C-alpha atoms as a PDB file:
ATOM      1  CA  UNK A   1      -0.190   0.100   0.315  1.00  0.00           C
ATOM      2  CA  UNK A   2       1.024   3.363  -0.743  1.00  0.00           C
ATOM      3  CA  UNK A   3       0.920   6.424   2.262  1.00  0.00           C
ATOM      4  CA  UNK A   4       0.807   9.849   1.295  1.00  0.00           C
ATOM      5  CA  UNK A   5       1.423  13.094   3.732  1.00  0.00           C
ATOM      6  CA  UNK A   6       0.831  16.261   2.705  1.00  0.00           C
ATOM      7  CA  UNK A   7       1.887  19.530   4.298  1.00  0.00           C
ATOM      8  CA  UNK A   8       2.308  23.247   3.551  1.00  0.00           C
ATOM      9  CA  UNK A   9      -1.339  24.375   3.451  1.00  0.00           C
ATOM     10  CA  UNK A  10      -3.057  27.317   5.005  1.00  0.00           C
ATOM     11  CA  UNK A  11      -3.945  30.740   5.598  1.00  0.00           C
ATOM     12  CA  UNK A  12      -2.410  33.488   3.207  1.00  0.00           C
ATOM     13  CA  UNK A  13      -3.699  36.705   1.844  1.00  0.00           C
ATOM     14  CA  UNK A  14      -4.154  37.105  -1.611  1.00  0.00           C
ATOM     15  CA  UNK A  15      -0.814  38.008  -3.652  1.00  0.00           C
ATOM     16  CA  UNK A  16       0.997  35.731  -1.037  1.00  0.00           C
ATOM     17  CA  UNK A  17       2.497  32.646  -1.540  1.00  0.00           C
ATOM     18  CA  UNK A  18       2.609  28.740  -0.570  1.00  0.00           C
ATOM     19  CA  UNK A  19       4.058  25.604  -0.860  1.00  0.00           C
ATOM     20  CA  UNK A  20       2.642  22.160  -0.659  1.00  0.00           C
ATOM     21  CA  UNK A  21       4.278  18.965  -0.086  1.00  0.00           C
ATOM     22  CA  UNK A  22       3.163  15.582  -0.497  1.00  0.00           C
ATOM     23  CA  UNK A  23       5.822  12.387   0.580  1.00  0.00           C
ATOM     24  CA  UNK A  24       4.794   9.026  -0.446  1.00  0.00           C
ATOM     25  CA  UNK A  25       5.701   5.850   1.331  1.00  0.00           C
ATOM     26  CA  UNK A  26       4.951   2.092   1.728  1.00  0.00           C
ATOM     27  CA  UNK A  27       5.920  -1.242  -0.766  1.00  0.00           C
ATOM     28  CA  UNK A  28       6.480   1.334  -3.711  1.00  0.00           C
ATOM     29  CA  UNK A  29       8.746   0.138  -6.429  1.00  0.00           C
ATOM     30  CA  UNK A  30       8.443   3.124  -9.271  1.00  0.00           C
ATOM     31  CA  UNK A  31       5.794   5.857  -9.141  1.00  0.00           C
ATOM     32  CA  UNK A  32       4.935   7.075 -12.632  1.00  0.00           C
ATOM     33  CA  UNK A  33       2.899  10.381 -12.559  1.00  0.00           C
ATOM     34  CA  UNK A  34       2.095  12.979  -9.435  1.00  0.00           C
ATOM     35  CA  UNK A  35       0.121  15.689  -9.171  1.00  0.00           C
ATOM     36  CA  UNK A  36      -2.125  18.113  -7.278  1.00  0.00           C
ATOM     37  CA  UNK A  37      -5.966  18.293  -7.307  1.00  0.00           C
ATOM     38  CA  UNK A  38      -8.228  21.258  -5.884  1.00  0.00           C
ATOM     39  CA  UNK A  39     -12.127  21.155  -4.973  1.00  0.00           C
ATOM     40  CA  UNK A  40     -13.310  23.925  -3.445  1.00  0.00           C
ATOM     41  CA  UNK A  41     -17.269  23.733  -1.505  1.00  0.00           C
ATOM     42  CA  UNK A  42     -19.985  22.802  -4.404  1.00  0.00           C
ATOM     43  CA  UNK A  43     -17.868  22.421  -6.755  1.00  0.00           C
ATOM     44  CA  UNK A  44     -15.917  19.035  -8.169  1.00  0.00           C
ATOM     45  CA  UNK A  45     -12.352  18.272  -7.861  1.00  0.00           C
ATOM     46  CA  UNK A  46     -10.293  19.326 -10.723  1.00  0.00           C
ATOM     47  CA  UNK A  47      -6.638  18.870 -11.443  1.00  0.00           C
ATOM     48  CA  UNK A  48      -4.174  21.527 -10.608  1.00  0.00           C
ATOM     49  CA  UNK A  49      -0.958  20.068 -12.122  1.00  0.00           C
ATOM     50  CA  UNK A  50       0.935  17.023 -12.740  1.00  0.00           C
ATOM     51  CA  UNK A  51       4.261  15.608 -13.761  1.00  0.00           C
ATOM     52  CA  UNK A  52       5.492  12.463 -15.170  1.00  0.00           C
ATOM     53  CA  UNK A  53       8.278  10.146 -14.452  1.00  0.00           C
ATOM     54  CA  UNK A  54      10.352  12.370 -17.138  1.00  0.00           C
ATOM     55  CA  UNK A  55       9.034  15.700 -15.160  1.00  0.00           C
ATOM     56  CA  UNK A  56       7.211  16.738 -17.756  1.00  0.00           C
ATOM     57  CA  UNK A  57       4.171  18.861 -16.363  1.00  0.00           C
ATOM     58  CA  UNK A  58       0.366  19.713 -17.103  1.00  0.00           C
ATOM     59  CA  UNK A  59      -1.182  22.631 -15.780  1.00  0.00           C
ATOM     60  CA  UNK A  60      -4.746  23.915 -15.372  1.00  0.00           C
ATOM     61  CA  UNK A  61      -5.041  27.026 -16.995  1.00  0.00           C
ATOM     62  CA  UNK A  62      -6.595  29.122 -14.365  1.00  0.00           C
ATOM     63  CA  UNK A  63      -2.937  28.063 -12.798  1.00  0.00           C
ATOM     64  CA  UNK A  64      -0.430  28.518 -15.335  1.00  0.00           C
ATOM     65  CA  UNK A  65       2.424  31.149 -14.670  1.00  0.00           C
ATOM     66  CA  UNK A  66       1.753  31.221 -11.253  1.00  0.00           C
ATOM     67  CA  UNK A  67       2.032  27.323  -9.691  1.00  0.00           C
ATOM     68  CA  UNK A  68       4.746  25.163 -10.325  1.00  0.00           C
ATOM     69  CA  UNK A  69       4.769  21.499  -9.641  1.00  0.00           C
ATOM     70  CA  UNK A  70       8.091  19.925  -9.096  1.00  0.00           C
ATOM     71  CA  UNK A  71       9.174  16.581  -7.941  1.00  0.00           C
ATOM     72  CA  UNK A  72      12.362  14.619  -5.738  1.00  0.00           C
ATOM     73  CA  UNK A  73      12.100  11.173  -7.317  1.00  0.00           C
ATOM     74  CA  UNK A  74      14.968   9.878  -4.571  1.00  0.00           C
ATOM     75  CA  UNK A  75      12.299  10.956  -1.833  1.00  0.00           C
ATOM     76  CA  UNK A  76       9.061  10.098  -3.712  1.00  0.00           C
ATOM     77  CA  UNK A  77       8.047  13.397  -3.080  1.00  0.00           C
ATOM     78  CA  UNK A  78       6.098  16.250  -5.148  1.00  0.00           C
ATOM     79  CA  UNK A  79       5.685  19.926  -4.804  1.00  0.00           C
ATOM     80  CA  UNK A  80       3.355  22.619  -5.428  1.00  0.00           C
ATOM     81  CA  UNK A  81       4.850  26.108  -5.494  1.00  0.00           C
ATOM     82  CA  UNK A  82       1.949  28.506  -5.251  1.00  0.00           C
ATOM     83  CA  UNK A  83       2.464  31.993  -6.372  1.00  0.00           C
ATOM     84  CA  UNK A  84       0.649  35.461  -6.435  1.00  0.00           C
ATOM     85  CA  UNK A  85      -2.339  33.332  -5.057  1.00  0.00           C
ATOM     86  CA  UNK A  86      -6.143  34.553  -5.326  1.00  0.00           C
ATOM     87  CA  UNK A  87      -9.721  33.587  -3.741  1.00  0.00           C
ATOM     88  CA  UNK A  88     -10.376  31.652  -5.980  1.00  0.00           C
ATOM     89  CA  UNK A  89      -7.777  29.424  -4.747  1.00  0.00           C
ATOM     90  CA  UNK A  90      -9.417  28.733  -2.127  1.00  0.00           C
ATOM     91  CA  UNK A  91      -9.517  24.688  -1.593  1.00  0.00           C
ATOM     92  CA  UNK A  92      -8.870  21.907  -0.479  1.00  0.00           C
ATOM     93  CA  UNK A  93      -6.182  20.354  -2.338  1.00  0.00           C
ATOM     94  CA  UNK A  94      -5.278  16.384  -2.916  1.00  0.00           C
ATOM     95  CA  UNK A  95      -2.078  14.693  -3.534  1.00  0.00           C
ATOM     96  CA  UNK A  96      -2.461  12.341  -6.457  1.00  0.00           C
ATOM     97  CA  UNK A  97       0.190   9.479  -6.812  1.00  0.00           C
ATOM     98  CA  UNK A  98       0.361   6.501  -9.632  1.00  0.00           C
ATOM     99  CA  UNK A  99       3.009   3.983  -8.372  1.00  0.00           C
ATOM    100  CA  UNK A 100       3.535   0.544  -9.116  1.00  0.00           C
ATOM    101  CA  UNK A 101       3.147  -1.370  -6.105  1.00  0.00           C
ATOM    102  CA  UNK A 102       3.431  -5.243  -5.747  1.00  0.00           C
ATOM    103  CA  UNK A 103       3.927  -5.661  -9.752  1.00  0.00           C
ATOM    104  CA  UNK A 104       0.331  -3.586  -9.864  1.00  0.00           C
ATOM    105  CA  UNK A 105      -0.176   0.058 -10.595  1.00  0.00           C
ATOM    106  CA  UNK A 106      -2.158   2.021  -8.453  1.00  0.00           C
ATOM    107  CA  UNK A 107      -3.609   5.002  -7.943  1.00  0.00           C
ATOM    108  CA  UNK A 108      -3.895   6.470  -4.291  1.00  0.00           C
ATOM    109  CA  UNK A 109      -5.115  10.345  -2.947  1.00  0.00           C
ATOM    110  CA  UNK A 110      -3.543  11.989   0.114  1.00  0.00           C
ATOM    111  CA  UNK A 111      -6.079  13.403   2.815  1.00  0.00           C
ATOM    112  CA  UNK A 112      -6.152  16.774   1.690  1.00  0.00           C
ATOM    113  CA  UNK A 113      -4.833  19.490   2.965  1.00  0.00           C
ATOM    114  CA  UNK A 114      -7.016  23.206   3.014  1.00  0.00           C
ATOM    115  CA  UNK A 115      -5.272  26.361   1.631  1.00  0.00           C
ATOM    116  CA  UNK A 116      -7.359  29.438   2.354  1.00  0.00           C
ATOM    117  CA  UNK A 117      -6.908  32.851   0.337  1.00  0.00           C
ATOM    118  CA  UNK A 118      -7.882  36.062   2.120  1.00  0.00           C
ATOM    119  CA  UNK A 119      -8.630  39.196   0.099  1.00  0.00           C
END
């Protein structure tokens, strides 16, 4: 099984920055895609950014130029640097990892971390 531990959420004023981290542990042989999703009250969970094992990245249009996703393969950790935060970025942010465990690829979710941006 895969365990994901997220950290770095909190309350910040508009225009500020936060850095989220998500560390994966367990019987992991390899990790393919790592990603961040978010879900605001009343909304569906949406992809914020993803990064492949080859470091190819993909971003939601709403965060391009403001957020940066990165990963440390040696530590099985993914980061999300969030700059120029806006009130509409307020949501619970979830880490997602696609990992090879016991010869099977499986997706795992973190518990979520709250990000609140005040105007």
